[in-house]
C-alpha atoms as a PDB file:
ATOM      1  CA  MET A   1     -18.620   5.486  -4.808  1.00  0.00           C
ATOM      2  CA  ALA A   2     -16.190   2.681  -4.183  1.00  0.00           C
ATOM      3  CA  LYS A   3     -13.070   4.010  -2.205  1.00  0.00           C
ATOM      4  CA  LYS A   4      -9.894   3.503  -4.204  1.00  0.00           C
ATOM      5  CA  ILE A   5      -6.332   0.883  -2.815  1.00  0.00           C
ATOM      6  CA  MET A   6      -3.296   1.638  -4.441  1.00  0.00           C
ATOM      7  CA  VAL A   7      -1.610  -1.143  -4.701  1.00  0.00           C
ATOM      8  CA  ILE A   8       2.445  -0.900  -4.606  1.00  0.00           C
ATOM      9  CA  ASP A   9       4.549  -4.742  -4.949  1.00  0.00           C
ATOM     10  CA  ASP A  10       7.010  -5.731  -6.997  1.00  0.00           C
ATOM     11  CA  ASP A  11       5.800  -9.682  -6.359  1.00  0.00           C
ATOM     12  CA  LYS A  12       3.165 -10.183  -9.302  1.00  0.00           C
ATOM     13  CA  GLU A  13       0.945 -12.951  -7.211  1.00  0.00           C
ATOM     14  CA  ILE A  14       0.920 -10.262  -4.166  1.00  0.00           C
ATOM     15  CA  THR A  15      -0.457  -8.088  -6.464  1.00  0.00           C
ATOM     16  CA  SER A  16      -3.038 -10.266  -8.201  1.00  0.00           C
ATOM     17  CA  TYR A  17      -3.951 -11.316  -4.787  1.00  0.00           C
ATOM     18  CA  LEU A  18      -4.107  -8.381  -3.060  1.00  0.00           C
ATOM     19  CA  THR A  19      -6.197  -6.539  -5.740  1.00  0.00           C
ATOM     20  CA  GLN A  20      -8.397  -9.346  -6.451  1.00  0.00           C
ATOM     21  CA  LEU A  21      -9.071  -9.209  -2.731  1.00  0.00           C
ATOM     22  CA  PHE A  22      -9.993  -5.582  -2.592  1.00  0.00           C
ATOM     23  CA  LYS A  23     -12.357  -5.843  -4.821  1.00  0.00           C
ATOM     24  CA  ASP A  24     -13.878  -8.967  -3.830  1.00  0.00           C
ATOM     25  CA  ASN A  25     -14.820  -6.983  -1.079  1.00  0.00           C
ATOM     26  CA  GLY A  26     -16.375  -3.510  -2.876  1.00  0.00           C
ATOM     27  CA  TYR A  27     -12.923  -1.257  -3.440  1.00  0.00           C
ATOM     28  CA  GLU A  28     -11.463  -0.036  -6.361  1.00  0.00           C
ATOM     29  CA  THR A  29      -7.671  -0.727  -7.372  1.00  0.00           C
ATOM     30  CA  VAL A  30      -4.787   0.537  -8.444  1.00  0.00           C
ATOM     31  CA  GLU A  31      -1.667  -1.178  -8.965  1.00  0.00           C
ATOM     32  CA  ALA A  32       2.698  -0.333  -9.546  1.00  0.00           C
ATOM     33  CA  ASN A  33       5.282  -2.482  -9.741  1.00  0.00           C
ATOM     34  CA  ASP A  34       7.835  -0.126  -7.323  1.00  0.00           C
ATOM     35  CA  GLY A  35       8.202   3.023  -5.935  1.00  0.00           C
ATOM     36  CA  SER A  36       9.357   4.991  -8.830  1.00  0.00           C
ATOM     37  CA  GLU A  37       6.421   3.781 -10.866  1.00  0.00           C
ATOM     38  CA  ALA A  38       4.032   4.776  -7.890  1.00  0.00           C
ATOM     39  CA  HIS A  39       4.270   8.422  -7.625  1.00  0.00           C
ATOM     40  CA  ASP A  40       3.100   9.109 -11.196  1.00  0.00           C
ATOM     41  CA  ILE A  41      -0.013   6.608  -9.909  1.00  0.00           C
ATOM     42  CA  VAL A  42      -0.615   8.497  -7.075  1.00  0.00           C
ATOM     43  CA  ALA A  43      -0.875  11.679  -8.475  1.00  0.00           C
ATOM     44  CA  ARG A  44      -2.982  10.592 -11.226  1.00  0.00           C
ATOM     45  CA  GLU A  45      -5.312   7.923  -9.182  1.00  0.00           C
ATOM     46  CA  MET A  46      -5.437   9.789  -5.599  1.00  0.00           C
ATOM     47  CA  PRO A  47      -5.932   6.397  -3.553  1.00  0.00           C
ATOM     48  CA  ASP A  48      -7.718   6.611  -0.349  1.00  0.00           C
ATOM     49  CA  LEU A  49      -5.173   4.076   0.976  1.00  0.00           C
ATOM     50  CA  ILE A  50      -2.141   2.603   0.115  1.00  0.00           C
ATOM     51  CA  THR A  51      -0.903  -1.398   0.689  1.00  0.00           C
ATOM     52  CA  LEU A  52       3.079  -0.822   0.385  1.00  0.00           C
ATOM     53  CA  ASP A  53       6.062  -3.171  -0.290  1.00  0.00           C
ATOM     54  CA  LEU A  54       9.207  -2.267   1.614  1.00  0.00           C
ATOM     55  CA  GLU A  55      11.805  -4.478  -0.705  1.00  0.00           C
ATOM     56  CA  MET A  56      11.379  -3.758  -4.420  1.00  0.00           C
ATOM     57  CA  PRO A  57      13.788  -2.931  -6.850  1.00  0.00           C
ATOM     58  CA  ASN A  58      14.597   0.799  -8.460  1.00  0.00           C
ATOM     59  CA  GLU A  59      13.062   2.339  -5.375  1.00  0.00           C
ATOM     60  CA  TRP A  60      12.346   0.537  -1.809  1.00  0.00           C
ATOM     61  CA  GLY A  61       9.129   1.166  -0.320  1.00  0.00           C
ATOM     62  CA  PRO A  62      10.989   3.604   2.404  1.00  0.00           C
ATOM     63  CA  ARG A  63      12.319   5.608   0.061  1.00  0.00           C
ATOM     64  CA  PHE A  64       9.059   5.991  -1.921  1.00  0.00           C
ATOM     65  CA  TYR A  65       7.232   6.896   1.339  1.00  0.00           C
ATOM     66  CA  ARG A  66       9.839  10.164   1.949  1.00  0.00           C
ATOM     67  CA  LYS A  67       9.264  11.065  -1.286  1.00  0.00           C
ATOM     68  CA  PHE A  68       5.875  10.644  -1.207  1.00  0.00           C
ATOM     69  CA  SER A  69       5.178  12.141   2.060  1.00  0.00           C
ATOM     70  CA  GLN A  70       7.095  15.635   1.802  1.00  0.00           C
ATOM     71  CA  ASN A  71       4.091  15.866  -0.996  1.00  0.00           C
ATOM     72  CA  PRO A  72       1.413  17.991   1.453  1.00  0.00           C
ATOM     73  CA  ASP A  73      -1.652  16.352  -1.055  1.00  0.00           C
ATOM     74  CA  PHE A  74      -0.425  13.117  -0.584  1.00  0.00           C
ATOM     75  CA  ARG A  75       0.189  12.945   3.531  1.00  0.00           C
ATOM     76  CA  LYS A  76      -2.872  12.091   4.860  1.00  0.00           C
ATOM     77  CA  ILE A  77      -3.073   8.816   2.340  1.00  0.00           C
ATOM     78  CA  PRO A  78      -2.685   6.078   5.072  1.00  0.00           C
ATOM     79  CA  ILE A  79      -0.589   3.249   4.223  1.00  0.00           C
ATOM     80  CA  ILE A  80      -0.370  -0.091   5.035  1.00  0.00           C
ATOM     81  CA  VAL A  81       3.116  -1.099   4.813  1.00  0.00           C
ATOM     82  CA  ILE A  82       2.727  -5.287   4.194  1.00  0.00           C
ATOM     83  CA  SER A  83       6.189  -7.202   3.717  1.00  0.00           C
ATOM     84  CA  GLY A  84       8.267 -10.031   4.415  1.00  0.00           C
ATOM     85  CA  LEU A  85      11.492  -7.856   6.222  1.00  0.00           C
ATOM     86  CA  PRO A  86      11.499  -8.542   9.462  1.00  0.00           C
ATOM     87  CA  SER A  87      11.218  -5.694  12.280  1.00  0.00           C
ATOM     88  CA  ASN A  88       8.992  -4.257   9.135  1.00  0.00           C
ATOM     89  CA  GLN A  89       7.138  -2.404  11.760  1.00  0.00           C
ATOM     90  CA  TYR A  90       9.665   0.165  12.256  1.00  0.00           C
ATOM     91  CA  ALA A  91      10.896   1.092   8.406  1.00  0.00           C
ATOM     92  CA  ILE A  92       7.396   3.384   8.328  1.00  0.00           C
ATOM     93  CA  GLN A  93       6.521   5.254  11.348  1.00  0.00           C
ATOM     94  CA  LYS A  94       3.123   6.676  10.041  1.00  0.00           C
ATOM     95  CA  ALA A  95       1.892   3.904   8.591  1.00  0.00           C
ATOM     96  CA  VAL A  96      -1.514   2.689  10.024  1.00  0.00           C
ATOM     97  CA  ALA A  97      -0.252  -0.913  10.135  1.00  0.00           C
ATOM     98  CA  SER A  98       2.629  -3.356   9.249  1.00  0.00           C
ATOM     99  CA  LEU A  99       1.965  -7.240   8.075  1.00  0.00           C
ATOM    100  CA  THR A 100       4.077  -9.796   7.570  1.00  0.00           C
ATOM    101  CA  LYS A 101       4.394 -12.125   4.231  1.00  0.00           C
ATOM    102  CA  PRO A 102       2.321 -14.063   4.513  1.00  0.00           C
ATOM    103  CA  PHE A 103      -0.551 -12.404   6.657  1.00  0.00           C
ATOM    104  CA  ASP A 104      -3.977 -12.846   7.120  1.00  0.00           C
ATOM    105  CA  LYS A 105      -6.819 -11.417   4.694  1.00  0.00           C
ATOM    106  CA  ASP A 106      -8.915 -11.520   7.447  1.00  0.00           C
ATOM    107  CA  GLU A 107      -6.537  -9.020   9.596  1.00  0.00           C
ATOM    108  CA  LEU A 108      -5.611  -6.771   6.591  1.00  0.00           C
ATOM    109  CA  LEU A 109      -9.676  -6.408   5.757  1.00  0.00           C
ATOM    110  CA  LYS A 110     -10.289  -5.167   9.325  1.00  0.00           C
ATOM    111  CA  ILE A 111      -7.979  -2.463   9.241  1.00  0.00           C
ATOM    112  CA  VAL A 112      -8.760  -1.146   5.873  1.00  0.00           C
ATOM    113  CA  LYS A 113     -12.162  -0.869   7.110  1.00  0.00           C
ATOM    114  CA  GLN A 114     -11.418   0.517  10.332  1.00  0.00           C
ATOM    115  CA  THR A 115      -9.283   3.534   8.178  1.00  0.00           C
ATOM    116  CA  ILE A 116     -11.074   4.061   5.357  1.00  0.00           C
ATOM    117  CA  GLY A 117     -14.792   2.592   5.811  1.00  0.00           C
END
C-alpha cells in the first residue's frame, strides 16, 4: 500500500505541482486549501506525512500545527514546511524540514523518502 502525503497550501499551482510530483513517485495524495479545512481531512485520511504552507487564509500553518499537535493521534505525523516566508525554518520547530519556495523537487523527494520511505 502506498504511503499517503497531505498537501496543505492555498496556492492551487503549488498544490497541483506537489500532488503530481508525489503521485509520479508512487505516493497517494490528499489536499487542503488552508489549515481550517485540513483538520477534518487529517482526521479522515490519516496521512503518513504532511507538507504545510505557513501563510494561508482562514488559518495559518503555525496555528494549524498548534491545534494538530495537541491530538495524540496526529503528533507522530511528520511535517515538511514549504513556504515563501523568510526564516520559515523557525515557524514549526518540530518540522522534519523547512523548504523555501521556490524549492528543489529532488531535495523535497529525498526528504520525503528519508522520512517515510
